[in-house]
């Protein structure tokens, strides 16, 4: 089995596409020793493979949700919230709408 993260992701995806779910999971689990963003991606892929719901669309959707949450947690100012909302961060869009509703942040 390859010993770098990208190779494990590729190999696991390849095995999954060939119908060998167990070997796919082994590859992703082996590659899940990475940290940070790589571990998050591996974790999403692993959970979906184990549940049988692994697809590019499902992975992309769940990762977008995860990254939106991470980005939103780092937002501190109204300018940062507006910029994130304009980039499509749904959490920031919701917060900005709520701020408009409540008249917070200079919105009246």
PDB file of N, CA and C in Angstrom:
ATOM      1  N   UNK A   1       0.855  -1.181   0.000  1.00  0.00           N
ATOM      2  CA  UNK A   1       0.000   0.000   0.000  1.00  0.00           C
ATOM      3  C   UNK A   1       0.898   1.240   0.000  1.00  0.00           C
ATOM      4  N   UNK A   2       0.561   2.254  -0.791  1.00  0.00           N
ATOM      5  CA  UNK A   2       1.385   3.468  -0.841  1.00  0.00           C
ATOM      6  C   UNK A   2       1.483   4.119   0.530  1.00  0.00           C
ATOM      7  N   UNK A   3       2.559   4.890   0.727  1.00  0.00           N
ATOM      8  CA  UNK A   3       2.749   5.481   2.050  1.00  0.00           C
ATOM      9  C   UNK A   3       2.560   6.993   2.082  1.00  0.00           C
ATOM     10  N   UNK A   4       1.981   7.579   1.033  1.00  0.00           N
ATOM     11  CA  UNK A   4       1.688   9.003   1.109  1.00  0.00           C
ATOM     12  C   UNK A   4       0.187   9.222   0.960  1.00  0.00           C
ATOM     13  N   UNK A   5      -0.274  10.313   1.533  1.00  0.00           N
ATOM     14  CA  UNK A   5      -1.706  10.579   1.653  1.00  0.00           C
ATOM     15  C   UNK A   5      -2.428  10.593   0.309  1.00  0.00           C
ATOM     16  N   UNK A   6      -1.888  11.326  -0.676  1.00  0.00           N
ATOM     17  CA  UNK A   6      -2.561  11.446  -1.969  1.00  0.00           C
ATOM     18  C   UNK A   6      -2.700  10.087  -2.657  1.00  0.00           C
ATOM     19  N   UNK A   7      -1.652   9.280  -2.568  1.00  0.00           N
ATOM     20  CA  UNK A   7      -1.707   7.951  -3.187  1.00  0.00           C
ATOM     21  C   UNK A   7      -2.751   7.076  -2.523  1.00  0.00           C
ATOM     22  N   UNK A   8      -2.873   7.195  -1.204  1.00  0.00           N
ATOM     23  CA  UNK A   8      -3.886   6.405  -0.501  1.00  0.00           C
ATOM     24  C   UNK A   8      -5.290   6.826  -0.896  1.00  0.00           C
ATOM     25  N   UNK A   9      -5.513   8.127  -1.067  1.00  0.00           N
ATOM     26  CA  UNK A   9      -6.827   8.619  -1.485  1.00  0.00           C
ATOM     27  C   UNK A   9      -7.141   8.098  -2.888  1.00  0.00           C
ATOM     28  N   UNK A  10      -6.192   8.235  -3.792  1.00  0.00           N
ATOM     29  CA  UNK A  10      -6.392   7.778  -5.172  1.00  0.00           C
ATOM     30  C   UNK A  10      -6.630   6.269  -5.213  1.00  0.00           C
ATOM     31  N   UNK A  11      -5.777   5.520  -4.531  1.00  0.00           N
ATOM     32  CA  UNK A  11      -5.890   4.065  -4.549  1.00  0.00           C
ATOM     33  C   UNK A  11      -7.204   3.608  -3.923  1.00  0.00           C
ATOM     34  N   UNK A  12      -7.584   4.235  -2.806  1.00  0.00           N
ATOM     35  CA  UNK A  12      -8.853   3.884  -2.170  1.00  0.00           C
ATOM     36  C   UNK A  12     -10.041   4.156  -3.079  1.00  0.00           C
ATOM     37  N   UNK A  13     -10.017   5.295  -3.760  1.00  0.00           N
ATOM     38  CA  UNK A  13     -11.093   5.644  -4.686  1.00  0.00           C
ATOM     39  C   UNK A  13     -11.144   4.643  -5.841  1.00  0.00           C
ATOM     40  N   UNK A  14      -9.988   4.266  -6.336  1.00  0.00           N
ATOM     41  CA  UNK A  14      -9.896   3.295  -7.433  1.00  0.00           C
ATOM     42  C   UNK A  14     -10.477   1.947  -7.008  1.00  0.00           C
ATOM     43  N   UNK A  15     -10.077   1.456  -5.830  1.00  0.00           N
ATOM     44  CA  UNK A  15     -10.625   0.189  -5.336  1.00  0.00           C
ATOM     45  C   UNK A  15     -12.138   0.267  -5.153  1.00  0.00           C
ATOM     46  N   UNK A  16     -12.616   1.392  -4.660  1.00  0.00           N
ATOM     47  CA  UNK A  16     -14.058   1.549  -4.464  1.00  0.00           C
ATOM     48  C   UNK A  16     -14.787   1.469  -5.802  1.00  0.00           C
ATOM     49  N   UNK A  17     -14.226   2.148  -6.817  1.00  0.00           N
ATOM     50  CA  UNK A  17     -14.828   2.132  -8.150  1.00  0.00           C
ATOM     51  C   UNK A  17     -14.836   0.726  -8.739  1.00  0.00           C
ATOM     52  N   UNK A  18     -13.844  -0.083  -8.382  1.00  0.00           N
ATOM     53  CA  UNK A  18     -13.783  -1.472  -8.859  1.00  0.00           C
ATOM     54  C   UNK A  18     -14.685  -2.404  -8.058  1.00  0.00           C
ATOM     55  N   UNK A  19     -15.273  -1.888  -6.989  1.00  0.00           N
ATOM     56  CA  UNK A  19     -16.199  -2.695  -6.195  1.00  0.00           C
ATOM     57  C   UNK A  19     -15.580  -3.366  -4.984  1.00  0.00           C
ATOM     58  N   UNK A  20     -14.312  -3.095  -4.697  1.00  0.00           N
ATOM     59  CA  UNK A  20     -13.654  -3.695  -3.538  1.00  0.00           C
ATOM     60  C   UNK A  20     -13.705  -2.708  -2.371  1.00  0.00           C
ATOM     61  N   UNK A  21     -14.867  -2.654  -1.734  1.00  0.00           N
ATOM     62  CA  UNK A  21     -15.110  -1.684  -0.658  1.00  0.00           C
ATOM     63  C   UNK A  21     -14.154  -1.882   0.519  1.00  0.00           C
ATOM     64  N   UNK A  22     -13.866  -3.129   0.879  1.00  0.00           N
ATOM     65  CA  UNK A  22     -12.989  -3.386   2.024  1.00  0.00           C
ATOM     66  C   UNK A  22     -11.574  -2.863   1.788  1.00  0.00           C
ATOM     67  N   UNK A  23     -11.023  -3.115   0.601  1.00  0.00           N
ATOM     68  CA  UNK A  23      -9.676  -2.630   0.304  1.00  0.00           C
ATOM     69  C   UNK A  23      -9.666  -1.102   0.189  1.00  0.00           C
ATOM     70  N   UNK A  24     -10.749  -0.538  -0.338  1.00  0.00           N
ATOM     71  CA  UNK A  24     -10.859   0.925  -0.420  1.00  0.00           C
ATOM     72  C   UNK A  24     -10.798   1.534   0.972  1.00  0.00           C
ATOM     73  N   UNK A  25     -11.553   0.976   1.892  1.00  0.00           N
ATOM     74  CA  UNK A  25     -11.577   1.468   3.275  1.00  0.00           C
ATOM     75  C   UNK A  25     -10.204   1.314   3.918  1.00  0.00           C
ATOM     76  N   UNK A  26      -9.533   0.182   3.662  1.00  0.00           N
ATOM     77  CA  UNK A  26      -8.187  -0.013   4.205  1.00  0.00           C
ATOM     78  C   UNK A  26      -7.230   1.080   3.731  1.00  0.00           C
ATOM     79  N   UNK A  27      -7.298   1.409   2.448  1.00  0.00           N
ATOM     80  CA  UNK A  27      -6.424   2.457   1.896  1.00  0.00           C
ATOM     81  C   UNK A  27      -6.693   3.800   2.562  1.00  0.00           C
ATOM     82  N   UNK A  28      -7.959   4.152   2.691  1.00  0.00           N
ATOM     83  CA  UNK A  28      -8.303   5.454   3.265  1.00  0.00           C
ATOM     84  C   UNK A  28      -7.943   5.486   4.750  1.00  0.00           C
ATOM     85  N   UNK A  29      -8.202   4.403   5.468  1.00  0.00           N
ATOM     86  CA  UNK A  29      -7.840   4.360   6.887  1.00  0.00           C
ATOM     87  C   UNK A  29      -6.336   4.498   7.069  1.00  0.00           C
ATOM     88  N   UNK A  30      -5.562   3.858   6.222  1.00  0.00           N
ATOM     89  CA  UNK A  30      -4.111   3.940   6.300  1.00  0.00           C
ATOM     90  C   UNK A  30      -3.649   5.369   6.030  1.00  0.00           C
ATOM     91  N   UNK A  31      -4.293   6.044   5.101  1.00  0.00           N
ATOM     92  CA  UNK A  31      -3.944   7.420   4.775  1.00  0.00           C
ATOM     93  C   UNK A  31      -4.490   8.437   5.754  1.00  0.00           C
ATOM     94  N   UNK A  32      -5.377   8.009   6.643  1.00  0.00           N
ATOM     95  CA  UNK A  32      -6.032   8.920   7.583  1.00  0.00           C
ATOM     96  C   UNK A  32      -5.118   9.314   8.751  1.00  0.00           C
ATOM     97  N   UNK A  33      -3.856   8.909   8.701  1.00  0.00           N
ATOM     98  CA  UNK A  33      -2.920   9.284   9.756  1.00  0.00           C
ATOM     99  C   UNK A  33      -2.425  10.711   9.591  1.00  0.00           C
ATOM    100  N   UNK A  34      -2.732  11.312   8.451  1.00  0.00           N
ATOM    101  CA  UNK A  34      -2.338  12.707   8.211  1.00  0.00           C
ATOM    102  C   UNK A  34      -3.076  13.613   9.194  1.00  0.00           C
ATOM    103  N   UNK A  35      -2.703  14.881   9.210  1.00  0.00           N
ATOM    104  CA  UNK A  35      -3.370  15.816  10.110  1.00  0.00           C
ATOM    105  C   UNK A  35      -3.977  16.968   9.319  1.00  0.00           C
ATOM    106  N   UNK A  36      -4.761  17.779   9.993  1.00  0.00           N
ATOM    107  CA  UNK A  36      -5.336  18.965   9.384  1.00  0.00           C
ATOM    108  C   UNK A  36      -6.329  18.656   8.280  1.00  0.00           C
ATOM    109  N   UNK A  37      -6.209  19.406   7.203  1.00  0.00           N
ATOM    110  CA  UNK A  37      -7.129  19.303   6.082  1.00  0.00           C
ATOM    111  C   UNK A  37      -7.159  17.891   5.489  1.00  0.00           C
ATOM    112  N   UNK A  38      -5.998  17.271   5.364  1.00  0.00           N
ATOM    113  CA  UNK A  38      -5.936  15.921   4.809  1.00  0.00           C
ATOM    114  C   UNK A  38      -6.738  14.938   5.659  1.00  0.00           C
ATOM    115  N   UNK A  39      -6.637  15.077   6.968  1.00  0.00           N
ATOM    116  CA  UNK A  39      -7.391  14.185   7.866  1.00  0.00           C
ATOM    117  C   UNK A  39      -8.900  14.425   7.716  1.00  0.00           C
ATOM    118  N   UNK A  40      -9.302  15.684   7.555  1.00  0.00           N
ATOM    119  CA  UNK A  40     -10.716  15.988   7.354  1.00  0.00           C
ATOM    120  C   UNK A  40     -11.239  15.343   6.073  1.00  0.00           C
ATOM    121  N   UNK A  41     -10.485  15.480   4.991  1.00  0.00           N
ATOM    122  CA  UNK A  41     -10.904  14.898   3.715  1.00  0.00           C
ATOM    123  C   UNK A  41     -10.971  13.375   3.819  1.00  0.00           C
ATOM    124  N   UNK A  42      -9.936  12.772   4.396  1.00  0.00           N
ATOM    125  CA  UNK A  42      -9.927  11.317   4.572  1.00  0.00           C
ATOM    126  C   UNK A  42     -11.110  10.863   5.413  1.00  0.00           C
ATOM    127  N   UNK A  43     -11.402  11.616   6.474  1.00  0.00           N
ATOM    128  CA  UNK A  43     -12.515  11.251   7.353  1.00  0.00           C
ATOM    129  C   UNK A  43     -13.855  11.268   6.640  1.00  0.00           C
ATOM    130  N   UNK A  44     -14.068  12.292   5.797  1.00  0.00           N
ATOM    131  CA  UNK A  44     -15.313  12.376   5.032  1.00  0.00           C
ATOM    132  C   UNK A  44     -15.416  11.199   4.075  1.00  0.00           C
ATOM    133  N   UNK A  45     -14.337  10.929   3.359  1.00  0.00           N
ATOM    134  CA  UNK A  45     -14.346   9.825   2.388  1.00  0.00           C
ATOM    135  C   UNK A  45     -14.555   8.481   3.087  1.00  0.00           C
ATOM    136  N   UNK A  46     -13.884   8.291   4.197  1.00  0.00           N
ATOM    137  CA  UNK A  46     -13.993   7.042   4.944  1.00  0.00           C
ATOM    138  C   UNK A  46     -15.417   6.805   5.439  1.00  0.00           C
ATOM    139  N   UNK A  47     -16.015   7.825   6.014  1.00  0.00           N
ATOM    140  CA  UNK A  47     -17.385   7.691   6.518  1.00  0.00           C
ATOM    141  C   UNK A  47     -18.352   7.360   5.384  1.00  0.00           C
ATOM    142  N   UNK A  48     -18.169   7.996   4.237  1.00  0.00           N
ATOM    143  CA  UNK A  48     -19.074   7.736   3.121  1.00  0.00           C
ATOM    144  C   UNK A  48     -18.851   6.348   2.529  1.00  0.00           C
ATOM    145  N   UNK A  49     -17.599   5.903   2.461  1.00  0.00           N
ATOM    146  CA  UNK A  49     -17.337   4.555   1.956  1.00  0.00           C
ATOM    147  C   UNK A  49     -17.956   3.503   2.872  1.00  0.00           C
ATOM    148  N   UNK A  50     -17.804   3.702   4.169  1.00  0.00           N
ATOM    149  CA  UNK A  50     -18.361   2.736   5.127  1.00  0.00           C
ATOM    150  C   UNK A  50     -19.884   2.694   5.064  1.00  0.00           C
ATOM    151  N   UNK A  51     -20.506   3.841   4.765  1.00  0.00           N
ATOM    152  CA  UNK A  51     -21.967   3.889   4.704  1.00  0.00           C
ATOM    153  C   UNK A  51     -22.505   3.467   3.339  1.00  0.00           C
ATOM    154  N   UNK A  52     -21.607   3.328   2.352  1.00  0.00           N
ATOM    155  CA  UNK A  52     -22.030   2.959   1.004  1.00  0.00           C
ATOM    156  C   UNK A  52     -22.572   4.130   0.201  1.00  0.00           C
ATOM    157  N   UNK A  53     -22.347   5.349   0.665  1.00  0.00           N
ATOM    158  CA  UNK A  53     -22.872   6.537  -0.015  1.00  0.00           C
ATOM    159  C   UNK A  53     -21.763   7.359  -0.653  1.00  0.00           C
ATOM    160  N   UNK A  54     -20.635   6.741  -0.932  1.00  0.00           N
ATOM    161  CA  UNK A  54     -19.477   7.450  -1.479  1.00  0.00           C
ATOM    162  C   UNK A  54     -19.710   7.818  -2.941  1.00  0.00           C
ATOM    163  N   UNK A  55     -19.615   9.118  -3.221  1.00  0.00           N
ATOM    164  CA  UNK A  55     -19.654   9.614  -4.601  1.00  0.00           C
ATOM    165  C   UNK A  55     -18.971  10.970  -4.603  1.00  0.00           C
ATOM    166  N   UNK A  56     -18.539  11.403  -5.760  1.00  0.00           N
ATOM    167  CA  UNK A  56     -17.877  12.706  -5.865  1.00  0.00           C
ATOM    168  C   UNK A  56     -18.801  13.819  -5.387  1.00  0.00           C
ATOM    169  N   UNK A  57     -20.077  13.752  -5.757  1.00  0.00           N
ATOM    170  CA  UNK A  57     -21.029  14.785  -5.338  1.00  0.00           C
ATOM    171  C   UNK A  57     -21.202  14.816  -3.829  1.00  0.00           C
ATOM    172  N   UNK A  58     -21.329  13.632  -3.216  1.00  0.00           N
ATOM    173  CA  UNK A  58     -21.504  13.577  -1.765  1.00  0.00           C
ATOM    174  C   UNK A  58     -20.276  14.087  -1.031  1.00  0.00           C
ATOM    175  N   UNK A  59     -19.082  13.702  -1.498  1.00  0.00           N
ATOM    176  CA  UNK A  59     -17.845  14.163  -0.866  1.00  0.00           C
ATOM    177  C   UNK A  59     -17.734  15.676  -1.000  1.00  0.00           C
ATOM    178  N   UNK A  60     -17.961  16.201  -2.197  1.00  0.00           N
ATOM    179  CA  UNK A  60     -17.854  17.649  -2.424  1.00  0.00           C
ATOM    180  C   UNK A  60     -18.841  18.418  -1.555  1.00  0.00           C
ATOM    181  N   UNK A  61     -20.060  17.933  -1.458  1.00  0.00           N
ATOM    182  CA  UNK A  61     -21.080  18.612  -0.655  1.00  0.00           C
ATOM    183  C   UNK A  61     -20.701  18.634   0.822  1.00  0.00           C
ATOM    184  N   UNK A  62     -20.263  17.497   1.332  1.00  0.00           N
ATOM    185  CA  UNK A  62     -19.916  17.429   2.755  1.00  0.00           C
ATOM    186  C   UNK A  62     -18.669  18.251   3.066  1.00  0.00           C
ATOM    187  N   UNK A  63     -17.695  18.248   2.161  1.00  0.00           N
ATOM    188  CA  UNK A  63     -16.485  19.046   2.378  1.00  0.00           C
ATOM    189  C   UNK A  63     -16.797  20.535   2.330  1.00  0.00           C
ATOM    190  N   UNK A  64     -17.681  20.946   1.421  1.00  0.00           N
ATOM    191  CA  UNK A  64     -18.064  22.359   1.355  1.00  0.00           C
ATOM    192  C   UNK A  64     -18.707  22.776   2.674  1.00  0.00           C
ATOM    193  N   UNK A  65     -19.578  21.935   3.209  1.00  0.00           N
ATOM    194  CA  UNK A  65     -20.221  22.210   4.495  1.00  0.00           C
ATOM    195  C   UNK A  65     -19.167  22.324   5.600  1.00  0.00           C
ATOM    196  N   UNK A  66     -18.223  21.387   5.636  1.00  0.00           N
ATOM    197  CA  UNK A  66     -17.173  21.379   6.648  1.00  0.00           C
ATOM    198  C   UNK A  66     -16.306  22.631   6.559  1.00  0.00           C
ATOM    199  N   UNK A  67     -15.899  23.011   5.354  1.00  0.00           N
ATOM    200  CA  UNK A  67     -15.044  24.178   5.180  1.00  0.00           C
ATOM    201  C   UNK A  67     -15.800  25.472   5.471  1.00  0.00           C
ATOM    202  N   UNK A  68     -17.093  25.528   5.136  1.00  0.00           N
ATOM    203  CA  UNK A  68     -17.905  26.697   5.482  1.00  0.00           C
ATOM    204  C   UNK A  68     -17.949  26.879   6.993  1.00  0.00           C
ATOM    205  N   UNK A  69     -18.147  25.796   7.722  1.00  0.00           N
ATOM    206  CA  UNK A  69     -18.199  25.861   9.190  1.00  0.00           C
ATOM    207  C   UNK A  69     -16.864  26.345   9.748  1.00  0.00           C
ATOM    208  N   UNK A  70     -15.769  25.807   9.205  1.00  0.00           N
ATOM    209  CA  UNK A  70     -14.435  26.184   9.682  1.00  0.00           C
ATOM    210  C   UNK A  70     -14.170  27.667   9.396  1.00  0.00           C
ATOM    211  N   UNK A  71     -14.497  28.113   8.195  1.00  0.00           N
ATOM    212  CA  UNK A  71     -14.293  29.510   7.834  1.00  0.00           C
ATOM    213  C   UNK A  71     -15.163  30.413   8.705  1.00  0.00           C
ATOM    214  N   UNK A  72     -16.422  30.031   8.895  1.00  0.00           N
ATOM    215  CA  UNK A  72     -17.354  30.856   9.672  1.00  0.00           C
ATOM    216  C   UNK A  72     -16.867  31.039  11.107  1.00  0.00           C
ATOM    217  N   UNK A  73     -16.309  29.993  11.672  1.00  0.00           N
ATOM    218  CA  UNK A  73     -15.827  30.073  13.054  1.00  0.00           C
ATOM    219  C   UNK A  73     -14.708  31.099  13.208  1.00  0.00           C
ATOM    220  N   UNK A  74     -13.971  31.378  12.134  1.00  0.00           N
ATOM    221  CA  UNK A  74     -12.852  32.305  12.198  1.00  0.00           C
ATOM    222  C   UNK A  74     -13.266  33.759  11.932  1.00  0.00           C
ATOM    223  N   UNK A  75     -14.504  33.992  11.519  1.00  0.00           N
ATOM    224  CA  UNK A  75     -14.940  35.349  11.173  1.00  0.00           C
ATOM    225  C   UNK A  75     -15.138  36.181  12.431  1.00  0.00           C
ATOM    226  N   UNK A  76     -14.586  37.395  12.417  1.00  0.00           N
ATOM    227  CA  UNK A  76     -14.674  38.261  13.596  1.00  0.00           C
ATOM    228  C   UNK A  76     -15.386  39.579  13.329  1.00  0.00           C
ATOM    229  N   UNK A  77     -15.231  40.130  12.136  1.00  0.00           N
ATOM    230  CA  UNK A  77     -15.793  41.462  11.873  1.00  0.00           C
ATOM    231  C   UNK A  77     -16.929  41.364  10.859  1.00  0.00           C
ATOM    232  N   UNK A  78     -17.725  42.409  10.803  1.00  0.00           N
ATOM    233  CA  UNK A  78     -18.822  42.470   9.843  1.00  0.00           C
ATOM    234  C   UNK A  78     -18.286  42.410   8.419  1.00  0.00           C
ATOM    235  N   UNK A  79     -17.122  43.015   8.187  1.00  0.00           N
ATOM    236  CA  UNK A  79     -16.520  42.987   6.851  1.00  0.00           C
ATOM    237  C   UNK A  79     -16.160  41.566   6.449  1.00  0.00           C
ATOM    238  N   UNK A  80     -15.615  40.795   7.388  1.00  0.00           N
ATOM    239  CA  UNK A  80     -15.271  39.397   7.113  1.00  0.00           C
ATOM    240  C   UNK A  80     -16.535  38.571   6.847  1.00  0.00           C
ATOM    241  N   UNK A  81     -17.583  38.827   7.611  1.00  0.00           N
ATOM    242  CA  UNK A  81     -18.848  38.101   7.411  1.00  0.00           C
ATOM    243  C   UNK A  81     -19.430  38.430   6.045  1.00  0.00           C
ATOM    244  N   UNK A  82     -19.426  39.720   5.668  1.00  0.00           N
ATOM    245  CA  UNK A  82     -19.939  40.121   4.345  1.00  0.00           C
ATOM    246  C   UNK A  82     -19.135  39.460   3.224  1.00  0.00           C
ATOM    247  N   UNK A  83     -17.808  39.476   3.349  1.00  0.00           N
ATOM    248  CA  UNK A  83     -16.951  38.898   2.309  1.00  0.00           C
ATOM    249  C   UNK A  83     -17.196  37.394   2.180  1.00  0.00           C
ATOM    250  N   UNK A  84     -17.321  36.711   3.300  1.00  0.00           N
ATOM    251  CA  UNK A  84     -17.579  35.268   3.263  1.00  0.00           C
ATOM    252  C   UNK A  84     -18.957  34.984   2.662  1.00  0.00           C
ATOM    253  N   UNK A  85     -19.936  35.802   2.995  1.00  0.00           N
ATOM    254  CA  UNK A  85     -21.283  35.641   2.431  1.00  0.00           C
ATOM    255  C   UNK A  85     -21.248  35.820   0.919  1.00  0.00           C
ATOM    256  N   UNK A  86     -20.488  36.792   0.447  1.00  0.00           N
ATOM    257  CA  UNK A  86     -20.373  37.025  -0.995  1.00  0.00           C
ATOM    258  C   UNK A  86     -19.665  35.868  -1.699  1.00  0.00           C
ATOM    259  N   UNK A  87     -18.775  35.161  -0.980  1.00  0.00           N
ATOM    260  CA  UNK A  87     -18.082  33.995  -1.552  1.00  0.00           C
ATOM    261  C   UNK A  87     -18.981  32.763  -1.552  1.00  0.00           C
ATOM    262  N   UNK A  88     -20.149  32.860  -0.918  1.00  0.00           N
ATOM    263  CA  UNK A  88     -21.076  31.735  -0.917  1.00  0.00           C
ATOM    264  C   UNK A  88     -21.133  30.934   0.363  1.00  0.00           C
ATOM    265  N   UNK A  89     -20.469  31.392   1.425  1.00  0.00           N
ATOM    266  CA  UNK A  89     -20.515  30.684   2.700  1.00  0.00           C
ATOM    267  C   UNK A  89     -21.920  30.825   3.275  1.00  0.00           C
ATOM    268  N   UNK A  90     -22.648  29.717   3.323  1.00  0.00           N
ATOM    269  CA  UNK A  90     -24.053  29.764   3.731  1.00  0.00           C
ATOM    270  C   UNK A  90     -24.220  30.158   5.197  1.00  0.00           C
ATOM    271  N   UNK A  91     -23.287  29.768   6.050  1.00  0.00           N
ATOM    272  CA  UNK A  91     -23.367  30.180   7.454  1.00  0.00           C
ATOM    273  C   UNK A  91     -23.223  31.691   7.571  1.00  0.00           C
ATOM    274  N   UNK A  92     -22.287  32.249   6.810  1.00  0.00           N
ATOM    275  CA  UNK A  92     -22.096  33.707   6.821  1.00  0.00           C
ATOM    276  C   UNK A  92     -23.320  34.401   6.241  1.00  0.00           C
ATOM    277  N   UNK A  93     -23.909  33.835   5.198  1.00  0.00           N
ATOM    278  CA  UNK A  93     -25.116  34.416   4.608  1.00  0.00           C
ATOM    279  C   UNK A  93     -26.253  34.433   5.626  1.00  0.00           C
ATOM    280  N   UNK A  94     -26.414  33.336   6.351  1.00  0.00           N
ATOM    281  CA  UNK A  94     -27.463  33.270   7.380  1.00  0.00           C
ATOM    282  C   UNK A  94     -27.206  34.284   8.487  1.00  0.00           C
ATOM    283  N   UNK A  95     -25.945  34.356   8.946  1.00  0.00           N
ATOM    284  CA  UNK A  95     -25.608  35.308  10.013  1.00  0.00           C
ATOM    285  C   UNK A  95     -25.836  36.740   9.553  1.00  0.00           C
ATOM    286  N   UNK A  96     -25.435  37.041   8.322  1.00  0.00           N
ATOM    287  CA  UNK A  96     -25.614  38.389   7.794  1.00  0.00           C
ATOM    288  C   UNK A  96     -27.097  38.739   7.700  1.00  0.00           C
ATOM    289  N   UNK A  97     -27.909  37.808   7.233  1.00  0.00           N
ATOM    290  CA  UNK A  97     -29.353  38.042   7.164  1.00  0.00           C
ATOM    291  C   UNK A  97     -29.950  38.271   8.543  1.00  0.00           C
ATOM    292  N   UNK A  98     -29.490  37.499   9.521  1.00  0.00           N
ATOM    293  CA  UNK A  98     -29.969  37.652  10.885  1.00  0.00           C
ATOM    294  C   UNK A  98     -29.547  39.005  11.452  1.00  0.00           C
ATOM    295  N   UNK A  99     -28.321  39.426  11.115  1.00  0.00           N
ATOM    296  CA  UNK A  99     -27.846  40.731  11.570  1.00  0.00           C
ATOM    297  C   UNK A  99     -28.685  41.850  10.954  1.00  0.00           C
ATOM    298  N   UNK A 100     -29.008  41.718   9.668  1.00  0.00           N
ATOM    299  CA  UNK A 100     -29.895  42.700   9.033  1.00  0.00           C
ATOM    300  C   UNK A 100     -31.244  42.722   9.758  1.00  0.00           C
ATOM    301  N   UNK A 101     -31.782  41.554  10.033  1.00  0.00           N
ATOM    302  CA  UNK A 101     -33.075  41.431  10.694  1.00  0.00           C
ATOM    303  C   UNK A 101     -33.082  42.105  12.056  1.00  0.00           C
ATOM    304  N   UNK A 102     -32.002  41.891  12.834  1.00  0.00           N
ATOM    305  CA  UNK A 102     -31.912  42.449  14.183  1.00  0.00           C
ATOM    306  C   UNK A 102     -31.390  43.877  14.211  1.00  0.00           C
ATOM    307  N   UNK A 103     -30.901  44.368  13.087  1.00  0.00           N
ATOM    308  CA  UNK A 103     -30.338  45.713  13.046  1.00  0.00           C
ATOM    309  C   UNK A 103     -28.968  45.794  13.677  1.00  0.00           C
ATOM    310  N   UNK A 104     -28.240  44.664  13.696  1.00  0.00           N
ATOM    311  CA  UNK A 104     -26.894  44.630  14.269  1.00  0.00           C
ATOM    312  C   UNK A 104     -25.854  45.063  13.245  1.00  0.00           C
ATOM    313  N   UNK A 105     -24.672  45.441  13.729  1.00  0.00           N
ATOM    314  CA  UNK A 105     -23.546  45.733  12.859  1.00  0.00           C
ATOM    315  C   UNK A 105     -23.738  46.971  12.007  1.00  0.00           C
ATOM    316  N   UNK A 106     -24.548  47.883  12.447  1.00  0.00           N
ATOM    317  CA  UNK A 106     -24.763  49.107  11.685  1.00  0.00           C
ATOM    318  C   UNK A 106     -25.884  49.001  10.674  1.00  0.00           C
ATOM    319  N   UNK A 107     -26.589  47.869  10.673  1.00  0.00           N
ATOM    320  CA  UNK A 107     -27.724  47.716   9.754  1.00  0.00           C
ATOM    321  C   UNK A 107     -28.972  48.217  10.441  1.00  0.00           C
ATOM    322  N   UNK A 108     -29.685  49.073   9.779  1.00  0.00           N
ATOM    323  CA  UNK A 108     -30.916  49.589  10.385  1.00  0.00           C
ATOM    324  C   UNK A 108     -32.098  49.341   9.477  1.00  0.00           C
TER     325      UNK A 108
END
